[in-house]
C-alpha cells in the first residue's frame, strides 16, 4: 500500500473513533464515592416528586435532569406540583491529606522588654528546611458531591436527606455529576451510613 494511502486510512479510522466516543462521555477512571443518608419519616406510597436545583448552572440543570430520569425509571411520577419536593445542592470540598508547609509561621516573646521571634522557614510547598521532605505520595484530593433533601410539600416536614461525595482528582464535575446523582437517587428513602461505592 502506498504511504499516502496508508496515512489516509489511519486518519479515517481516527475520525470514526472520535465520532463513536465523544470526549467527556465517560470518566477517565472509576469514581470513588461515599453516601450518607438519614430517613426522617416513612416514604409516602406512590409519591409524586418535584425536583428543584439550588443553582441554575448548566451542570446543575444537567444533574437535575439525570435525577428526573432515574426517579421516573424507579416508578415515581416526576414533575411540577409533586407531593414531595426534592432539592439538589452541588458541593465542593478540599480534603487535606498532608501538612502543607507555610512560609512565615512565627511566634513572639516580648517579656522583660526583650524581643525575640522564632520563624519556621520552608523551601517551598513540598520541602521543609527543618522537617525534611514531605511524603511525595501524600496529596490533596478535590471532592465534589451532591446534597439531597426530600420534603413533604403539604406539611413542610423533611422526609429524607442524603449526601454523596466523590474524589474527582482523576475526573471532573461534568463526568462525575450524573453518576453521583443517579447513585443517590436510586437509594432515595434509605438510611445509609458511610457506604463506599465505585461508580463507572
N, C-alpha and C. Protein backbone atom coordinates (compact mmCIF):
# COMPACT_ATOMS: atom_id res chain seq x y z
N UNK A 1 0.86 -1.20 0.00
CA UNK A 1 0.00 0.00 0.00
C UNK A 1 0.88 1.24 0.00
N UNK A 2 0.62 2.21 -0.88
CA UNK A 2 1.40 3.44 -0.90
C UNK A 2 1.31 4.15 0.45
N UNK A 3 2.38 4.88 0.80
CA UNK A 3 2.44 5.57 2.10
C UNK A 3 1.29 6.55 2.26
N UNK A 4 0.97 7.29 1.20
CA UNK A 4 -0.10 8.29 1.26
C UNK A 4 -1.44 7.62 1.56
N UNK A 5 -1.70 6.47 0.92
CA UNK A 5 -2.96 5.75 1.16
C UNK A 5 -3.02 5.21 2.58
N UNK A 6 -1.87 4.76 3.08
CA UNK A 6 -1.82 4.23 4.45
C UNK A 6 -2.21 5.31 5.46
N UNK A 7 -1.59 6.50 5.34
CA UNK A 7 -1.91 7.58 6.27
C UNK A 7 -3.35 8.04 6.14
N UNK A 8 -3.90 8.02 4.95
CA UNK A 8 -5.30 8.39 4.76
C UNK A 8 -6.22 7.42 5.48
N UNK A 9 -5.87 6.12 5.41
CA UNK A 9 -6.68 5.11 6.11
C UNK A 9 -6.62 5.29 7.61
N UNK A 10 -5.40 5.60 8.14
CA UNK A 10 -5.25 5.81 9.57
C UNK A 10 -6.07 7.01 10.04
N UNK A 11 -6.03 8.11 9.31
CA UNK A 11 -6.80 9.30 9.67
C UNK A 11 -8.29 9.04 9.64
N UNK A 12 -8.74 8.24 8.70
CA UNK A 12 -10.17 7.89 8.62
C UNK A 12 -10.60 7.10 9.84
N UNK A 13 -9.75 6.17 10.28
CA UNK A 13 -10.07 5.38 11.48
C UNK A 13 -10.14 6.26 12.72
N UNK A 14 -9.20 7.21 12.83
CA UNK A 14 -9.20 8.12 13.98
C UNK A 14 -10.47 8.96 13.99
N UNK A 15 -10.90 9.44 12.83
CA UNK A 15 -12.12 10.26 12.74
C UNK A 15 -13.34 9.47 13.16
N UNK A 16 -13.43 8.20 12.72
CA UNK A 16 -14.57 7.35 13.11
C UNK A 16 -14.58 7.11 14.61
N UNK A 17 -13.41 6.86 15.20
CA UNK A 17 -13.33 6.63 16.64
C UNK A 17 -13.75 7.87 17.42
N UNK A 18 -13.36 9.03 16.93
CA UNK A 18 -13.73 10.27 17.62
C UNK A 18 -15.22 10.49 17.61
N UNK A 19 -15.90 10.14 16.52
CA UNK A 19 -17.35 10.29 16.44
C UNK A 19 -18.04 9.27 17.33
N UNK A 20 -17.50 8.04 17.36
CA UNK A 20 -18.14 6.97 18.12
C UNK A 20 -18.00 7.18 19.62
N UNK A 21 -16.92 7.86 20.08
CA UNK A 21 -16.70 8.04 21.51
C UNK A 21 -16.43 9.51 21.80
N UNK A 22 -17.47 10.31 21.94
CA UNK A 22 -17.28 11.74 22.18
C UNK A 22 -16.54 12.02 23.47
N UNK A 23 -15.76 13.10 23.44
CA UNK A 23 -14.97 13.46 24.62
C UNK A 23 -15.89 13.75 25.80
N UNK A 24 -15.47 13.26 26.99
CA UNK A 24 -16.22 13.53 28.21
C UNK A 24 -17.40 12.61 28.43
N UNK A 25 -17.60 11.61 27.55
CA UNK A 25 -18.75 10.73 27.70
C UNK A 25 -18.60 9.81 28.90
N UNK A 26 -17.36 9.40 29.20
CA UNK A 26 -17.10 8.50 30.30
C UNK A 26 -15.98 9.06 31.17
N UNK A 27 -16.03 8.80 32.49
CA UNK A 27 -14.94 9.26 33.35
C UNK A 27 -13.62 8.62 32.92
N UNK A 28 -12.51 9.35 33.12
CA UNK A 28 -11.21 8.83 32.75
C UNK A 28 -10.80 7.68 33.65
N UNK A 29 -11.38 7.59 34.84
CA UNK A 29 -11.18 6.43 35.71
C UNK A 29 -12.40 6.30 36.60
N UNK A 30 -12.61 5.14 37.26
CA UNK A 30 -13.78 4.99 38.13
C UNK A 30 -13.82 6.06 39.21
N UNK A 31 -15.02 6.45 39.61
CA UNK A 31 -15.22 7.48 40.63
C UNK A 31 -15.53 6.80 41.96
N UNK A 32 -14.71 7.07 42.97
CA UNK A 32 -14.93 6.52 44.31
C UNK A 32 -15.77 7.49 45.11
N UNK A 33 -16.90 7.02 45.60
CA UNK A 33 -17.85 7.90 46.29
C UNK A 33 -18.25 7.31 47.64
N UNK A 34 -18.75 8.20 48.50
CA UNK A 34 -19.29 7.80 49.80
C UNK A 34 -20.67 8.42 49.98
N UNK A 35 -21.63 7.59 50.42
CA UNK A 35 -23.00 8.05 50.65
C UNK A 35 -23.33 8.02 52.14
N UNK A 36 -23.95 9.09 52.61
CA UNK A 36 -24.56 9.13 53.94
C UNK A 36 -25.99 9.61 53.78
N UNK A 37 -26.91 9.04 54.53
CA UNK A 37 -28.30 9.48 54.42
C UNK A 37 -29.06 9.19 55.71
N UNK A 38 -30.06 10.04 55.98
CA UNK A 38 -30.95 9.88 57.13
C UNK A 38 -32.39 9.75 56.65
N UNK A 39 -33.07 8.71 57.10
CA UNK A 39 -34.50 8.58 56.85
C UNK A 39 -35.23 9.16 58.06
N UNK A 40 -35.91 10.28 57.86
CA UNK A 40 -36.52 11.01 58.97
C UNK A 40 -38.01 10.73 59.13
N UNK A 41 -38.62 10.17 58.10
CA UNK A 41 -40.05 9.82 58.13
C UNK A 41 -40.28 8.76 57.05
N UNK A 42 -41.34 7.96 57.18
CA UNK A 42 -41.61 6.96 56.14
C UNK A 42 -41.90 7.62 54.79
N UNK A 43 -41.42 7.01 53.71
CA UNK A 43 -41.72 7.49 52.37
C UNK A 43 -43.19 7.25 52.06
N UNK A 44 -43.93 8.28 51.63
CA UNK A 44 -45.33 8.06 51.24
C UNK A 44 -45.41 7.10 50.05
N UNK A 45 -46.38 6.21 50.05
CA UNK A 45 -46.52 5.28 48.92
C UNK A 45 -46.93 6.02 47.65
N UNK A 46 -46.40 5.56 46.53
CA UNK A 46 -46.74 6.12 45.20
C UNK A 46 -46.59 7.64 45.18
N UNK A 47 -45.50 8.10 45.78
CA UNK A 47 -45.30 9.55 45.89
C UNK A 47 -44.95 10.17 44.54
N UNK A 48 -45.44 11.39 44.34
CA UNK A 48 -45.02 12.18 43.19
C UNK A 48 -43.96 13.17 43.67
N UNK A 49 -42.99 13.47 42.81
CA UNK A 49 -41.82 14.25 43.22
C UNK A 49 -41.56 15.38 42.25
N UNK A 50 -41.34 16.57 42.80
CA UNK A 50 -40.85 17.70 42.01
C UNK A 50 -39.39 17.92 42.37
N UNK A 51 -38.54 18.09 41.37
CA UNK A 51 -37.11 18.27 41.59
C UNK A 51 -36.73 19.74 41.41
N UNK A 52 -35.99 20.26 42.39
CA UNK A 52 -35.56 21.65 42.36
C UNK A 52 -34.05 21.69 42.55
N UNK A 53 -33.35 22.39 41.65
CA UNK A 53 -31.91 22.59 41.78
C UNK A 53 -31.68 23.96 42.42
N UNK A 54 -30.71 24.03 43.35
CA UNK A 54 -30.46 25.28 44.06
C UNK A 54 -29.54 26.24 43.30
N UNK A 55 -29.08 25.86 42.11
CA UNK A 55 -28.44 26.84 41.24
C UNK A 55 -28.81 26.50 39.80
N UNK A 56 -28.61 27.48 38.92
CA UNK A 56 -29.07 27.31 37.55
C UNK A 56 -27.92 27.17 36.55
N UNK A 57 -26.78 26.68 37.05
CA UNK A 57 -25.66 26.43 36.13
C UNK A 57 -26.02 25.28 35.20
N UNK A 58 -25.32 25.22 34.07
CA UNK A 58 -25.57 24.14 33.12
C UNK A 58 -25.36 22.77 33.77
N UNK A 59 -24.31 22.66 34.60
CA UNK A 59 -24.04 21.38 35.26
C UNK A 59 -25.16 21.00 36.21
N UNK A 60 -25.62 21.95 37.02
CA UNK A 60 -26.69 21.66 37.99
C UNK A 60 -27.97 21.25 37.27
N UNK A 61 -28.31 21.91 36.18
CA UNK A 61 -29.52 21.58 35.43
C UNK A 61 -29.39 20.20 34.77
N UNK A 62 -28.19 19.87 34.29
CA UNK A 62 -27.98 18.55 33.69
C UNK A 62 -28.10 17.45 34.74
N UNK A 63 -27.57 17.71 35.94
CA UNK A 63 -27.66 16.74 37.04
C UNK A 63 -29.11 16.56 37.46
N UNK A 64 -29.87 17.65 37.54
CA UNK A 64 -31.30 17.56 37.89
C UNK A 64 -32.05 16.72 36.85
N UNK A 65 -31.69 16.86 35.59
CA UNK A 65 -32.34 16.09 34.54
C UNK A 65 -32.06 14.60 34.69
N UNK A 66 -30.83 14.25 35.07
CA UNK A 66 -30.50 12.84 35.31
C UNK A 66 -31.30 12.32 36.51
N UNK A 67 -31.47 13.15 37.54
CA UNK A 67 -32.27 12.74 38.70
C UNK A 67 -33.71 12.46 38.28
N UNK A 68 -34.28 13.29 37.42
CA UNK A 68 -35.65 13.06 36.93
C UNK A 68 -35.75 11.72 36.20
N UNK A 69 -34.79 11.46 35.34
CA UNK A 69 -34.81 10.21 34.58
C UNK A 69 -34.67 9.00 35.50
N UNK A 70 -33.78 9.10 36.49
CA UNK A 70 -33.55 7.99 37.41
C UNK A 70 -34.80 7.69 38.23
N UNK A 71 -35.44 8.73 38.77
CA UNK A 71 -36.63 8.52 39.61
C UNK A 71 -37.82 8.05 38.78
N UNK A 72 -37.94 8.56 37.56
CA UNK A 72 -39.02 8.09 36.69
C UNK A 72 -38.85 6.61 36.38
N UNK A 73 -37.62 6.19 36.18
CA UNK A 73 -37.34 4.78 35.90
C UNK A 73 -37.66 3.90 37.11
N UNK A 74 -37.62 4.47 38.31
CA UNK A 74 -37.98 3.72 39.52
C UNK A 74 -39.48 3.71 39.79
N UNK A 75 -40.25 4.39 38.93
CA UNK A 75 -41.70 4.35 39.06
C UNK A 75 -42.32 5.56 39.71
N UNK A 76 -41.53 6.57 40.07
CA UNK A 76 -42.09 7.79 40.64
C UNK A 76 -42.68 8.66 39.54
N UNK A 77 -43.74 9.36 39.88
CA UNK A 77 -44.28 10.39 38.99
C UNK A 77 -43.49 11.66 39.26
N UNK A 78 -42.76 12.14 38.27
CA UNK A 78 -41.85 13.27 38.46
C UNK A 78 -42.35 14.46 37.64
N UNK A 79 -42.52 15.59 38.32
CA UNK A 79 -42.96 16.79 37.61
C UNK A 79 -43.37 17.89 38.57
N UNK A 80 -43.77 19.02 38.04
CA UNK A 80 -44.17 20.17 38.85
C UNK A 80 -45.38 19.83 39.72
N UNK A 81 -45.38 20.39 40.93
CA UNK A 81 -46.52 20.18 41.83
C UNK A 81 -46.51 18.85 42.54
N UNK A 82 -45.38 18.14 42.56
CA UNK A 82 -45.33 16.84 43.22
C UNK A 82 -45.56 16.91 44.72
N UNK A 83 -46.00 15.80 45.29
CA UNK A 83 -46.26 15.73 46.73
C UNK A 83 -44.97 15.96 47.52
N UNK A 84 -43.86 15.46 47.02
CA UNK A 84 -42.56 15.63 47.67
C UNK A 84 -41.70 16.58 46.85
N UNK A 85 -40.93 17.39 47.55
CA UNK A 85 -40.04 18.35 46.90
C UNK A 85 -38.61 17.89 47.14
N UNK A 86 -37.90 17.55 46.07
CA UNK A 86 -36.54 17.07 46.17
C UNK A 86 -35.57 18.19 45.75
N UNK A 87 -34.73 18.61 46.69
CA UNK A 87 -33.77 19.68 46.42
C UNK A 87 -32.38 19.13 46.19
N UNK A 88 -31.68 19.70 45.21
CA UNK A 88 -30.31 19.29 44.87
C UNK A 88 -29.36 20.46 45.07
N UNK A 89 -28.31 20.23 45.83
CA UNK A 89 -27.29 21.27 46.06
C UNK A 89 -25.92 20.67 45.74
N UNK A 90 -25.18 21.30 44.81
CA UNK A 90 -23.84 20.84 44.46
C UNK A 90 -22.85 21.36 45.49
N UNK A 91 -21.88 20.51 45.85
CA UNK A 91 -20.90 20.89 46.87
C UNK A 91 -19.49 20.54 46.43
N UNK A 92 -18.55 21.42 46.81
CA UNK A 92 -17.12 21.18 46.62
C UNK A 92 -16.47 21.15 47.99
N UNK A 93 -15.45 20.31 48.11
CA UNK A 93 -14.76 20.22 49.40
C UNK A 93 -13.32 19.81 49.13
N UNK A 94 -12.38 20.52 49.77
CA UNK A 94 -10.97 20.13 49.70
C UNK A 94 -10.65 19.23 50.88
N UNK A 95 -10.06 18.09 50.60
CA UNK A 95 -9.63 17.18 51.65
C UNK A 95 -8.12 17.26 51.74
N UNK A 96 -7.61 17.76 52.86
CA UNK A 96 -6.17 17.89 53.03
C UNK A 96 -5.64 16.63 53.68
N UNK A 97 -4.76 15.93 52.98
CA UNK A 97 -4.24 14.66 53.48
C UNK A 97 -2.78 14.77 53.88
N UNK A 98 -2.25 15.98 53.93
CA UNK A 98 -0.88 16.16 54.40
C UNK A 98 -0.76 17.55 55.02
N UNK A 99 0.27 17.73 55.84
CA UNK A 99 0.54 19.05 56.39
C UNK A 99 1.28 19.86 55.34
N UNK A 100 0.68 20.95 54.88
CA UNK A 100 1.29 21.78 53.85
C UNK A 100 2.14 22.85 54.52
N UNK A 101 3.45 22.87 54.29
CA UNK A 101 4.29 23.91 54.89
C UNK A 101 3.87 25.30 54.44
N UNK A 102 3.96 26.26 55.36
CA UNK A 102 3.65 27.64 55.01
C UNK A 102 4.81 28.52 55.41
N UNK A 103 5.11 29.52 54.62
CA UNK A 103 6.23 30.42 54.88
C UNK A 103 5.80 31.49 55.87
N UNK A 104 6.63 31.73 56.88
CA UNK A 104 6.38 32.85 57.77
C UNK A 104 5.59 32.51 59.02
N UNK A 105 5.50 31.23 59.40
CA UNK A 105 4.89 30.88 60.67
C UNK A 105 5.80 31.38 61.79
N UNK A 106 5.27 32.16 62.72
CA UNK A 106 6.15 32.80 63.71
C UNK A 106 5.49 32.86 65.08
N UNK A 107 6.34 32.88 66.13
CA UNK A 107 5.88 33.14 67.49
C UNK A 107 6.76 34.24 68.07
N UNK A 108 6.21 35.06 68.96
CA UNK A 108 6.98 36.19 69.51
C UNK A 108 6.97 36.14 71.03
N UNK A 109 8.09 36.54 71.63
CA UNK A 109 8.23 36.60 73.08
C UNK A 109 8.78 37.98 73.43
N UNK A 110 8.00 38.80 74.15
CA UNK A 110 8.44 40.18 74.45
C UNK A 110 8.58 40.41 75.95
N UNK A 111 8.85 39.36 76.71
CA UNK A 111 8.99 39.52 78.16
C UNK A 111 10.23 40.36 78.50
N UNK A 112 10.12 41.15 79.57
CA UNK A 112 11.23 41.95 80.10
C UNK A 112 11.84 42.86 79.06
N UNK A 113 10.98 43.45 78.22
CA UNK A 113 11.42 44.42 77.21
C UNK A 113 12.42 43.85 76.21
N UNK A 114 12.51 42.54 76.14
CA UNK A 114 13.39 41.93 75.16
C UNK A 114 12.52 41.20 74.13
N UNK A 115 12.80 41.44 72.90
CA UNK A 115 12.01 40.82 71.85
C UNK A 115 12.76 39.68 71.17
N UNK A 116 12.06 38.60 70.94
CA UNK A 116 12.65 37.51 70.15
C UNK A 116 11.54 36.89 69.30
N UNK A 117 11.90 36.49 68.12
CA UNK A 117 10.94 35.91 67.19
C UNK A 117 11.49 34.60 66.66
N UNK A 118 10.66 33.58 66.68
CA UNK A 118 11.04 32.30 66.09
C UNK A 118 10.24 32.12 64.80
N UNK A 119 10.93 31.88 63.74
CA UNK A 119 10.28 31.75 62.43
C UNK A 119 10.62 30.40 61.82
N UNK A 120 9.61 29.68 61.38
CA UNK A 120 9.83 28.43 60.67
C UNK A 120 9.86 28.72 59.17
N UNK A 121 10.94 28.39 58.52
CA UNK A 121 11.09 28.65 57.09
C UNK A 121 10.99 27.34 56.31
N UNK A 122 10.42 27.45 55.13
CA UNK A 122 10.27 26.29 54.27
C UNK A 122 10.77 26.63 52.88
N UNK A 123 11.38 25.65 52.23
CA UNK A 123 11.91 25.88 50.89
C UNK A 123 10.80 26.14 49.90
N UNK A 124 9.75 25.36 49.96
CA UNK A 124 8.58 25.54 49.10
C UNK A 124 7.44 24.73 49.68
N UNK A 125 6.40 24.51 48.90
CA UNK A 125 5.23 23.81 49.43
C UNK A 125 5.46 22.31 49.58
N UNK A 126 6.60 21.81 49.14
CA UNK A 126 6.86 20.38 49.22
C UNK A 126 7.90 20.04 50.30
N UNK A 127 8.96 20.85 50.42
CA UNK A 127 10.07 20.52 51.30
C UNK A 127 10.18 21.49 52.45
N UNK A 128 10.39 20.97 53.64
CA UNK A 128 10.61 21.80 54.81
C UNK A 128 12.10 21.88 55.10
N UNK A 129 12.61 23.09 55.34
CA UNK A 129 14.03 23.25 55.66
C UNK A 129 14.36 22.48 56.93
N UNK A 130 13.47 22.54 57.91
CA UNK A 130 13.73 21.92 59.20
C UNK A 130 13.20 20.49 59.29
N UNK A 131 12.11 20.23 58.62
CA UNK A 131 11.47 18.93 58.81
C UNK A 131 11.75 17.90 57.75
N UNK A 132 12.47 18.26 56.70
CA UNK A 132 12.76 17.27 55.66
C UNK A 132 11.68 17.24 54.60
N UNK A 133 11.77 16.28 53.72
CA UNK A 133 10.88 16.19 52.57
C UNK A 133 9.51 15.66 52.97
N UNK A 134 8.48 16.30 52.44
CA UNK A 134 7.11 15.82 52.64
C UNK A 134 6.92 14.57 51.80
N UNK A 135 6.17 13.60 52.32
CA UNK A 135 5.90 12.36 51.59
C UNK A 135 5.31 12.67 50.22
N UNK A 136 6.00 12.32 49.12
CA UNK A 136 5.50 12.68 47.79
C UNK A 136 4.24 11.94 47.39
N UNK A 137 3.92 10.84 48.10
CA UNK A 137 2.73 10.07 47.76
C UNK A 137 1.48 10.62 48.43
N UNK A 138 1.63 11.58 49.31
CA UNK A 138 0.50 12.15 50.04
C UNK A 138 0.07 13.44 49.36
N UNK A 139 -1.15 13.49 48.87
CA UNK A 139 -1.61 14.64 48.09
C UNK A 139 -2.97 15.10 48.59
N UNK A 140 -3.34 16.29 48.16
CA UNK A 140 -4.68 16.80 48.45
C UNK A 140 -5.66 16.22 47.45
N UNK A 141 -6.89 15.98 47.88
CA UNK A 141 -7.92 15.45 46.99
C UNK A 141 -9.06 16.45 46.89
N UNK A 142 -9.49 16.70 45.69
CA UNK A 142 -10.65 17.56 45.49
C UNK A 142 -11.89 16.68 45.47
N UNK A 143 -12.83 17.01 46.34
CA UNK A 143 -14.07 16.26 46.40
C UNK A 143 -15.22 17.10 45.86
N UNK A 144 -16.10 16.42 45.17
CA UNK A 144 -17.30 17.05 44.61
C UNK A 144 -18.47 16.16 44.96
N UNK A 145 -19.60 16.76 45.26
CA UNK A 145 -20.74 15.93 45.61
C UNK A 145 -22.06 16.66 45.53
N UNK A 146 -23.09 15.97 45.99
CA UNK A 146 -24.45 16.47 45.91
C UNK A 146 -25.15 16.23 47.24
N UNK A 147 -25.77 17.29 47.78
CA UNK A 147 -26.59 17.17 48.98
C UNK A 147 -28.05 17.17 48.52
N UNK A 148 -28.79 16.18 48.99
CA UNK A 148 -30.18 15.99 48.53
C UNK A 148 -31.12 16.08 49.73
N UNK A 149 -32.17 16.87 49.60
CA UNK A 149 -33.20 16.93 50.64
C UNK A 149 -34.54 16.53 50.02
N UNK A 150 -35.37 15.89 50.82
CA UNK A 150 -36.70 15.47 50.37
C UNK A 150 -37.71 15.90 51.42
N UNK A 151 -38.56 16.87 51.06
CA UNK A 151 -39.54 17.43 51.99
C UNK A 151 -40.96 17.15 51.51
N UNK A 152 -41.86 16.94 52.48
CA UNK A 152 -43.28 16.78 52.17
C UNK A 152 -43.87 18.17 51.95
N UNK A 153 -44.38 18.42 50.78
CA UNK A 153 -44.88 19.75 50.45
C UNK A 153 -46.05 20.16 51.34
N UNK A 154 -46.93 19.25 51.69
CA UNK A 154 -48.14 19.60 52.44
C UNK A 154 -47.85 19.94 53.90
N UNK A 155 -46.85 19.28 54.49
CA UNK A 155 -46.56 19.51 55.92
C UNK A 155 -45.29 20.32 56.14
N UNK A 156 -44.44 20.41 55.12
CA UNK A 156 -43.15 21.07 55.27
C UNK A 156 -42.13 20.22 56.00
N UNK A 157 -42.51 18.99 56.35
CA UNK A 157 -41.63 18.12 57.11
C UNK A 157 -40.59 17.46 56.20
N UNK A 158 -39.37 17.36 56.71
CA UNK A 158 -38.33 16.66 55.94
C UNK A 158 -38.51 15.15 56.10
N UNK A 159 -38.56 14.48 54.97
CA UNK A 159 -38.74 13.03 54.94
C UNK A 159 -37.40 12.31 54.92
N UNK A 160 -36.46 12.87 54.18
CA UNK A 160 -35.17 12.19 53.98
C UNK A 160 -34.13 13.21 53.54
N UNK A 161 -32.87 12.95 53.87
CA UNK A 161 -31.79 13.76 53.34
C UNK A 161 -30.56 12.88 53.17
N UNK A 162 -29.76 13.20 52.17
CA UNK A 162 -28.57 12.40 51.91
C UNK A 162 -27.50 13.22 51.23
N UNK A 163 -26.28 12.74 51.32
CA UNK A 163 -25.15 13.39 50.67
C UNK A 163 -24.27 12.33 50.04
N UNK A 164 -23.83 12.58 48.82
CA UNK A 164 -22.86 11.71 48.16
C UNK A 164 -21.68 12.57 47.76
N UNK A 165 -20.47 12.15 48.16
CA UNK A 165 -19.25 12.89 47.86
C UNK A 165 -18.27 11.95 47.18
N UNK A 166 -17.49 12.50 46.24
CA UNK A 166 -16.55 11.68 45.49
C UNK A 166 -15.23 12.41 45.30
N UNK A 167 -14.16 11.64 45.27
CA UNK A 167 -12.86 12.17 44.89
C UNK A 167 -12.85 12.30 43.37
N UNK A 168 -12.70 13.52 42.88
CA UNK A 168 -12.71 13.71 41.42
C UNK A 168 -11.33 14.15 40.92
N UNK A 169 -10.28 13.75 41.66
CA UNK A 169 -8.93 14.12 41.25
C UNK A 169 -8.60 13.60 39.85
N UNK A 170 -9.15 12.44 39.48
CA UNK A 170 -8.87 11.90 38.16
C UNK A 170 -10.04 12.02 37.21
N UNK A 171 -11.00 12.86 37.57
CA UNK A 171 -12.19 13.01 36.76
C UNK A 171 -12.55 14.49 36.72
N UNK A 172 -13.84 14.80 36.57
CA UNK A 172 -14.31 16.18 36.57
C UNK A 172 -15.74 16.20 37.09
N UNK A 173 -16.24 17.39 37.41
CA UNK A 173 -17.62 17.51 37.86
C UNK A 173 -18.60 17.05 36.79
N UNK A 174 -18.29 17.41 35.55
CA UNK A 174 -19.19 17.06 34.44
C UNK A 174 -19.27 15.55 34.24
N UNK A 175 -18.16 14.86 34.46
CA UNK A 175 -18.15 13.41 34.31
C UNK A 175 -18.78 12.72 35.52
N UNK A 176 -18.44 13.21 36.72
CA UNK A 176 -18.88 12.54 37.93
C UNK A 176 -20.32 12.85 38.31
N UNK A 177 -20.79 14.08 38.04
CA UNK A 177 -22.11 14.51 38.49
C UNK A 177 -23.25 13.58 38.14
N UNK A 178 -23.41 13.18 36.87
CA UNK A 178 -24.52 12.28 36.52
C UNK A 178 -24.44 10.93 37.24
N UNK A 179 -23.21 10.41 37.43
CA UNK A 179 -23.05 9.14 38.14
C UNK A 179 -23.46 9.29 39.60
N UNK A 180 -23.07 10.40 40.22
CA UNK A 180 -23.37 10.61 41.63
C UNK A 180 -24.87 10.75 41.87
N UNK A 181 -25.54 11.58 41.08
CA UNK A 181 -26.96 11.81 41.33
C UNK A 181 -27.77 10.56 41.03
N UNK A 182 -27.37 9.80 40.03
CA UNK A 182 -28.08 8.55 39.73
C UNK A 182 -27.93 7.56 40.89
N UNK A 183 -26.72 7.49 41.46
CA UNK A 183 -26.47 6.56 42.56
C UNK A 183 -27.30 6.92 43.79
N UNK A 184 -27.37 8.22 44.13
CA UNK A 184 -28.10 8.58 45.34
C UNK A 184 -29.61 8.57 45.11
N UNK A 185 -30.05 8.90 43.90
CA UNK A 185 -31.49 8.85 43.61
C UNK A 185 -32.01 7.42 43.67
N UNK A 186 -31.19 6.47 43.33
CA UNK A 186 -31.58 5.06 43.41
C UNK A 186 -31.73 4.57 44.85
N UNK A 187 -31.21 5.34 45.80
CA UNK A 187 -31.29 4.95 47.22
C UNK A 187 -32.24 5.86 47.99
N UNK A 188 -33.08 6.57 47.29
CA UNK A 188 -33.99 7.53 47.91
C UNK A 188 -34.81 6.86 49.02
N UNK A 189 -34.84 7.48 50.20
CA UNK A 189 -35.63 6.97 51.31
C UNK A 189 -34.89 6.02 52.23
N UNK A 190 -33.72 5.55 51.82
CA UNK A 190 -32.98 4.58 52.64
C UNK A 190 -32.06 5.29 53.64
N UNK A 191 -31.93 4.74 54.86
CA UNK A 191 -30.87 5.22 55.77
C UNK A 191 -29.55 4.59 55.35
N UNK A 192 -28.50 5.39 55.26
CA UNK A 192 -27.20 4.88 54.80
C UNK A 192 -26.11 5.50 55.66
N UNK A 193 -25.19 4.68 56.11
CA UNK A 193 -24.09 5.16 56.97
C UNK A 193 -22.75 4.92 56.29
N UNK A 194 -22.17 5.97 55.74
CA UNK A 194 -20.84 5.96 55.15
C UNK A 194 -20.60 4.73 54.27
N UNK A 195 -21.45 4.56 53.31
CA UNK A 195 -21.30 3.46 52.36
C UNK A 195 -20.43 3.89 51.20
N UNK A 196 -19.41 3.09 50.90
CA UNK A 196 -18.49 3.39 49.81
C UNK A 196 -18.94 2.71 48.53
N UNK A 197 -18.83 3.45 47.43
CA UNK A 197 -19.21 2.94 46.12
C UNK A 197 -18.13 3.27 45.11
N UNK A 198 -18.01 2.44 44.07
CA UNK A 198 -17.17 2.75 42.93
C UNK A 198 -18.10 2.85 41.72
N UNK A 199 -18.13 4.02 41.11
CA UNK A 199 -19.07 4.30 40.03
C UNK A 199 -18.32 4.39 38.70
N UNK A 200 -18.88 3.73 37.68
CA UNK A 200 -18.24 3.75 36.35
C UNK A 200 -19.29 4.08 35.29
